[in-house]
Amino acid sequence: MPQIPDVSPLLAFVLFVAGTAAGAVGALLGLGGGVFLVPFLVLLLHLPMHAAVGISLITVIATSTVVTSRRMGQSLVNLRLGMVLEVATAAGGLTGGVLAASLSAGTLQRLFGVVTVLSALAMLARLEKRNVILDPSADTGRLGGRYYEDESDAVVSYAVKRVPLALAVSFVAGSVSSLLGVGGGILKVPALTAWCGVPLRAAAATSAFMIGVTATAGAVIYYGRGDVVPWMAASAVLGVLAGSRVGSALSARATAKWLKLLLAAVLIAVGVLMLARSR
């Protein structure tokens, strides 16, 4: 049975570096960073799965705060869409936090692996689709939006499709977030991009806004059960704060296709590792 290690300056530094990488990936792709941090804590540091998830949820809140503060002024965060979906996501987050206590570490790892691989396949299926409307005066409906995109060098528009599907995915994403500590972005970003007509940049920014609320709902439950190790969470959060700023800057310069390929690669690699570890 994995044990919580004693306080160590070296381990605190390792967690800071891991948090920096997780924050950069999370900000770049709207995933929250947990998709990287949870496997690192479980596979390399040999932490119990529930402790790793509790720590990751705290870092997800930090990532959300940094990314949202930077993207809000760029009109990438769709507040109307985010608030509608957050109702379902928060409900799912509470459900997942309660269910986590009754599931084994192996079950959580297998669930993590399956979810990430499926999300990657959904992204690859829409690799060449950008979901943007180059006419800035196009009708975006109640939940659509507009923003300036460097890649198109123009103001682009988008309309949100299949809102009931987005709500259902958001509920599942909230549950997955609390169960696995990944912020829910591994489901929401691919779903919004592949099936709901939201461009990847807007989906990532809106997801980053939502994951903070979702993670808070689950983190309260994990903290109450004693699964959050304060000194380890603090070390990782400091790294996440630094890495999130780097990821946000890189995201503005990258093409949508490159971001999709990177997202799919990260999801597949982590999913395969977690499935192999769960045996």
Protein backbone atom coordinates (compact mmCIF):
# COMPACT_ATOMS: atom_id res chain seq x y z
CA MET A 1 0.00 0.00 0.00
CA PRO A 2 1.56 3.36 -1.04
CA GLN A 3 2.34 5.72 1.83
CA ILE A 4 2.55 9.51 2.14
CA PRO A 5 6.27 10.49 2.28
CA ASP A 6 7.68 12.71 5.01
CA VAL A 7 8.37 16.40 4.39
CA SER A 8 11.47 16.78 2.21
CA PRO A 9 13.00 19.87 0.54
CA LEU A 10 14.05 17.76 -2.45
CA LEU A 11 10.58 16.30 -2.88
CA ALA A 12 9.06 19.77 -2.52
CA PHE A 13 11.30 20.98 -5.37
CA VAL A 14 10.35 17.97 -7.51
CA LEU A 15 6.68 18.77 -6.93
CA PHE A 16 7.30 22.40 -7.88
CA VAL A 17 8.87 21.32 -11.19
CA ALA A 18 6.05 18.85 -11.85
CA GLY A 19 3.51 21.55 -11.04
CA THR A 20 5.21 23.92 -13.48
CA ALA A 21 4.91 21.36 -16.28
CA ALA A 22 1.32 20.54 -15.32
CA GLY A 23 0.39 24.23 -15.23
CA ALA A 24 1.91 24.86 -18.66
CA VAL A 25 0.08 21.89 -20.22
CA GLY A 26 -3.15 22.76 -18.43
CA ALA A 27 -3.13 26.38 -19.54
CA LEU A 28 -2.10 25.50 -23.08
CA LEU A 29 -4.90 22.96 -23.61
CA GLY A 30 -7.56 23.88 -21.02
CA LEU A 31 -7.15 20.59 -19.13
CA GLY A 32 -6.24 21.90 -15.69
CA GLY A 33 -2.92 20.05 -15.56
CA GLY A 34 -4.24 17.09 -13.58
CA VAL A 35 -3.97 14.90 -16.67
CA PHE A 36 -0.20 15.17 -16.20
CA LEU A 37 0.11 15.58 -12.43
CA VAL A 38 -2.01 12.61 -11.31
CA PRO A 39 0.02 10.02 -13.28
CA PHE A 40 3.24 11.66 -12.07
CA LEU A 41 2.20 11.44 -8.42
CA VAL A 42 0.93 7.87 -8.74
CA LEU A 43 3.43 6.29 -11.13
CA LEU A 44 6.67 8.04 -10.16
CA LEU A 45 6.19 9.21 -6.57
CA HIS A 46 4.00 6.20 -5.65
CA LEU A 47 1.36 8.24 -3.82
CA PRO A 48 -2.02 6.68 -3.07
CA MET A 49 -4.47 7.46 -5.87
CA HIS A 50 -6.88 9.32 -3.60
CA ALA A 51 -4.08 11.54 -2.23
CA ALA A 52 -2.86 12.28 -5.77
CA VAL A 53 -6.36 13.27 -6.85
CA GLY A 54 -6.83 15.51 -3.80
CA ILE A 55 -3.55 17.35 -4.46
CA SER A 56 -4.31 17.64 -8.18
CA LEU A 57 -7.71 19.22 -7.54
CA ILE A 58 -6.02 22.00 -5.56
CA THR A 59 -3.65 22.69 -8.47
CA VAL A 60 -6.57 22.71 -10.92
CA ILE A 61 -8.10 25.60 -8.96
CA ALA A 62 -4.82 27.52 -9.26
CA THR A 63 -4.59 26.86 -13.02
CA SER A 64 -8.15 28.04 -13.54
CA THR A 65 -7.51 31.29 -11.67
CA VAL A 66 -4.40 32.18 -13.69
CA VAL A 67 -5.75 31.22 -17.12
CA THR A 68 -9.13 32.88 -16.64
CA SER A 69 -7.55 36.15 -15.52
CA ARG A 70 -5.40 36.24 -18.68
CA ARG A 71 -7.99 35.07 -21.22
CA MET A 72 -10.97 37.11 -20.01
CA GLY A 73 -9.69 40.28 -21.69
CA GLN A 74 -9.25 38.44 -25.00
CA SER A 75 -12.97 37.47 -25.21
CA LEU A 76 -11.97 33.79 -25.35
CA VAL A 77 -13.84 32.86 -22.18
CA ASN A 78 -17.52 32.41 -23.03
CA LEU A 79 -19.15 33.33 -19.71
CA ARG A 80 -22.71 32.56 -20.82
CA LEU A 81 -21.83 29.10 -22.06
CA GLY A 82 -19.57 28.46 -19.08
CA MET A 83 -22.23 29.32 -16.50
CA VAL A 84 -24.87 27.18 -18.24
CA LEU A 85 -22.58 24.16 -18.39
CA GLU A 86 -21.19 24.75 -14.90
CA VAL A 87 -24.55 23.91 -13.32
CA ALA A 88 -24.29 20.37 -14.70
CA THR A 89 -20.54 20.18 -14.06
CA ALA A 90 -20.79 21.16 -10.38
CA ALA A 91 -23.54 18.59 -9.84
CA GLY A 92 -21.33 15.97 -11.42
CA GLY A 93 -18.38 17.09 -9.29
CA LEU A 94 -20.28 16.53 -6.07
CA THR A 95 -21.46 13.13 -7.31
CA GLY A 96 -17.95 12.06 -8.24
CA GLY A 97 -16.50 13.19 -4.92
CA VAL A 98 -18.98 11.01 -3.04
CA LEU A 99 -18.44 8.00 -5.34
CA ALA A 100 -14.64 8.18 -5.08
CA ALA A 101 -14.64 6.79 -1.56
CA SER A 102 -16.26 3.54 -2.74
CA LEU A 103 -13.96 2.87 -5.73
CA SER A 104 -10.56 1.15 -5.58
CA ALA A 105 -7.34 2.76 -6.83
CA GLY A 106 -7.13 0.25 -9.69
CA THR A 107 -10.64 1.07 -10.84
CA LEU A 108 -9.87 4.80 -10.81
CA GLN A 109 -6.69 4.24 -12.83
CA ARG A 110 -8.50 2.16 -15.47
CA LEU A 111 -11.26 4.75 -15.72
CA PHE A 112 -8.63 7.45 -16.13
CA GLY A 113 -6.96 5.55 -18.97
CA VAL A 114 -10.15 4.80 -20.90
CA VAL A 115 -11.47 8.36 -20.63
CA THR A 116 -8.24 9.95 -21.84
CA VAL A 117 -7.83 7.63 -24.85
CA LEU A 118 -11.45 8.18 -25.96
CA SER A 119 -11.01 11.94 -25.63
CA ALA A 120 -7.88 11.79 -27.80
CA LEU A 121 -9.70 9.87 -30.55
CA ALA A 122 -12.49 12.48 -30.55
CA MET A 123 -9.92 15.24 -31.08
CA LEU A 124 -8.14 13.43 -33.91
CA ALA A 125 -11.44 12.86 -35.71
CA ARG A 126 -11.84 16.66 -35.99
CA LEU A 127 -8.22 17.54 -36.68
CA GLU A 128 -8.90 19.64 -39.79
CA LYS A 129 -12.07 21.33 -38.48
CA ARG A 130 -11.69 24.74 -36.84
CA ASN A 131 -15.35 25.66 -36.12
CA VAL A 132 -14.76 29.36 -36.82
CA ILE A 133 -16.95 31.61 -38.96
CA LEU A 134 -14.85 34.29 -40.64
CA ASP A 135 -17.83 36.67 -40.92
CA PRO A 136 -17.72 38.72 -37.66
CA SER A 137 -21.36 39.77 -38.12
CA ALA A 138 -22.69 36.18 -38.34
CA ASP A 139 -25.52 35.17 -36.01
CA THR A 140 -23.96 33.33 -33.04
CA GLY A 141 -27.19 32.53 -31.19
CA ARG A 142 -27.64 32.90 -27.44
CA LEU A 143 -24.51 31.02 -26.39
CA GLY A 144 -22.06 31.71 -29.23
CA GLY A 145 -19.28 34.26 -29.24
CA ARG A 146 -16.67 36.29 -31.11
CA TYR A 147 -12.98 36.89 -30.55
CA TYR A 148 -9.90 38.07 -32.39
CA GLU A 149 -7.79 35.17 -33.67
CA ASP A 150 -4.14 35.67 -34.62
CA GLU A 151 -4.22 32.57 -36.84
CA SER A 152 -6.95 34.13 -39.03
CA ASP A 153 -5.81 37.71 -38.40
CA ALA A 154 -9.45 38.68 -38.00
CA VAL A 155 -12.41 38.65 -35.63
CA VAL A 156 -14.09 35.23 -35.90
CA SER A 157 -17.49 34.00 -34.74
CA TYR A 158 -18.93 30.67 -33.64
CA ALA A 159 -22.31 29.22 -32.70
CA VAL A 160 -22.85 26.54 -30.05
CA LYS A 161 -24.64 23.39 -31.22
CA ARG A 162 -26.13 20.40 -29.38
CA VAL A 163 -26.47 22.14 -26.00
CA PRO A 164 -28.23 19.12 -24.34
CA LEU A 165 -25.25 16.96 -25.31
CA ALA A 166 -22.88 19.57 -23.89
CA LEU A 167 -24.83 19.51 -20.60
CA ALA A 168 -24.68 15.72 -20.41
CA VAL A 169 -20.93 15.69 -21.12
CA SER A 170 -20.42 18.43 -18.52
CA PHE A 171 -22.13 16.34 -15.84
CA VAL A 172 -19.92 13.35 -16.67
CA ALA A 173 -16.87 15.64 -16.81
CA GLY A 174 -17.67 16.94 -13.35
CA SER A 175 -17.87 13.40 -12.00
CA VAL A 176 -14.61 12.44 -13.72
CA SER A 177 -12.96 15.56 -12.31
CA SER A 178 -13.72 14.63 -8.72
CA LEU A 179 -12.95 10.95 -9.30
CA LEU A 180 -9.64 11.48 -11.09
CA GLY A 181 -8.48 15.00 -10.21
CA VAL A 182 -8.15 16.10 -13.83
CA GLY A 183 -10.41 19.16 -13.92
CA GLY A 184 -12.93 17.69 -16.37
CA GLY A 185 -11.30 19.44 -19.31
CA ILE A 186 -10.23 16.12 -20.83
CA LEU A 187 -13.90 15.56 -21.67
CA LYS A 188 -15.25 19.08 -22.09
CA VAL A 189 -12.62 20.45 -24.48
CA PRO A 190 -12.84 17.52 -26.96
CA ALA A 191 -16.66 17.43 -26.73
CA LEU A 192 -17.14 21.18 -27.24
CA THR A 193 -14.72 21.12 -30.17
CA ALA A 194 -15.78 17.87 -31.85
CA TRP A 195 -19.57 17.97 -31.41
CA CYS A 196 -20.72 21.41 -30.22
CA GLY A 197 -19.11 23.76 -32.75
CA VAL A 198 -16.83 25.64 -30.34
CA PRO A 199 -13.30 26.50 -31.61
CA LEU A 200 -10.47 24.89 -29.65
CA ARG A 201 -9.13 28.16 -28.24
CA ALA A 202 -12.54 29.24 -26.95
CA ALA A 203 -13.28 25.72 -25.66
CA ALA A 204 -9.96 25.60 -23.79
CA ALA A 205 -10.41 29.06 -22.27
CA THR A 206 -14.03 28.40 -21.24
CA SER A 207 -13.05 25.01 -19.84
CA ALA A 208 -10.27 26.63 -17.80
CA PHE A 209 -12.87 28.98 -16.33
CA MET A 210 -15.23 26.11 -15.43
CA ILE A 211 -12.70 23.65 -14.01
CA GLY A 212 -11.94 25.91 -11.06
CA VAL A 213 -15.52 25.75 -9.82
CA THR A 214 -15.72 22.01 -10.52
CA ALA A 215 -12.45 21.25 -8.75
CA THR A 216 -13.52 23.28 -5.72
CA ALA A 217 -16.62 21.11 -5.30
CA GLY A 218 -14.52 17.94 -5.30
CA ALA A 219 -11.56 19.36 -3.34
CA VAL A 220 -13.77 20.18 -0.35
CA ILE A 221 -14.77 16.52 -0.08
CA TYR A 222 -11.20 15.23 -0.46
CA TYR A 223 -9.89 17.72 2.08
CA GLY A 224 -12.58 16.75 4.56
CA ARG A 225 -11.51 13.10 4.24
CA GLY A 226 -7.85 13.99 4.84
CA ASP A 227 -6.71 13.08 1.31
CA VAL A 228 -5.07 16.48 0.63
CA VAL A 229 -1.45 16.69 1.86
CA PRO A 230 -1.02 20.45 2.50
CA TRP A 231 2.78 20.76 2.03
CA MET A 232 2.73 18.72 -1.18
CA ALA A 233 -0.26 20.64 -2.55
CA ALA A 234 1.42 23.98 -1.75
CA SER A 235 4.64 22.97 -3.56
CA ALA A 236 2.72 21.87 -6.65
CA VAL A 237 0.52 24.99 -6.67
CA LEU A 238 3.55 27.31 -6.70
CA GLY A 239 4.80 25.49 -9.79
CA VAL A 240 1.38 25.59 -11.42
CA LEU A 241 1.17 29.36 -10.98
CA ALA A 242 4.46 29.77 -12.87
CA GLY A 243 3.71 27.17 -15.54
CA SER A 244 0.21 28.50 -16.26
CA ARG A 245 1.62 31.84 -17.35
CA VAL A 246 4.02 30.12 -19.74
CA GLY A 247 1.25 27.94 -21.20
CA SER A 248 -1.04 30.91 -21.73
CA ALA A 249 1.65 32.77 -23.66
CA LEU A 250 2.42 29.75 -25.86
CA SER A 251 -1.25 29.13 -26.60
CA ALA A 252 -1.64 32.52 -28.29
CA ARG A 253 1.13 31.69 -30.78
CA ALA A 254 0.28 28.07 -31.64
CA THR A 255 -2.01 26.98 -34.49
CA ALA A 256 -5.25 25.16 -33.73
CA LYS A 257 -4.09 22.02 -35.54
CA TRP A 258 -0.87 21.89 -33.54
CA LEU A 259 -2.77 22.29 -30.28
CA LYS A 260 -5.12 19.44 -31.23
CA LEU A 261 -2.22 17.15 -32.08
CA LEU A 262 -0.48 18.00 -28.81
CA LEU A 263 -3.67 17.43 -26.85
CA ALA A 264 -4.26 14.04 -28.48
CA ALA A 265 -0.65 12.97 -27.92
CA VAL A 266 -0.75 13.91 -24.23
CA LEU A 267 -4.07 12.14 -23.69
CA ILE A 268 -3.01 8.92 -25.43
CA ALA A 269 0.36 8.73 -23.67
CA VAL A 270 -1.09 9.28 -20.23
CA GLY A 271 -4.06 6.98 -20.87
CA VAL A 272 -1.84 4.08 -21.95
CA LEU A 273 0.46 4.54 -18.94
CA MET A 274 -2.43 4.51 -16.49
CA LEU A 275 -4.04 1.45 -18.10
CA ALA A 276 -0.73 -0.42 -17.93
CA ARG A 277 -0.25 0.57 -14.28
CA SER A 278 -3.74 -0.56 -13.25
CA ARG A 279 -3.06 -4.25 -14.01
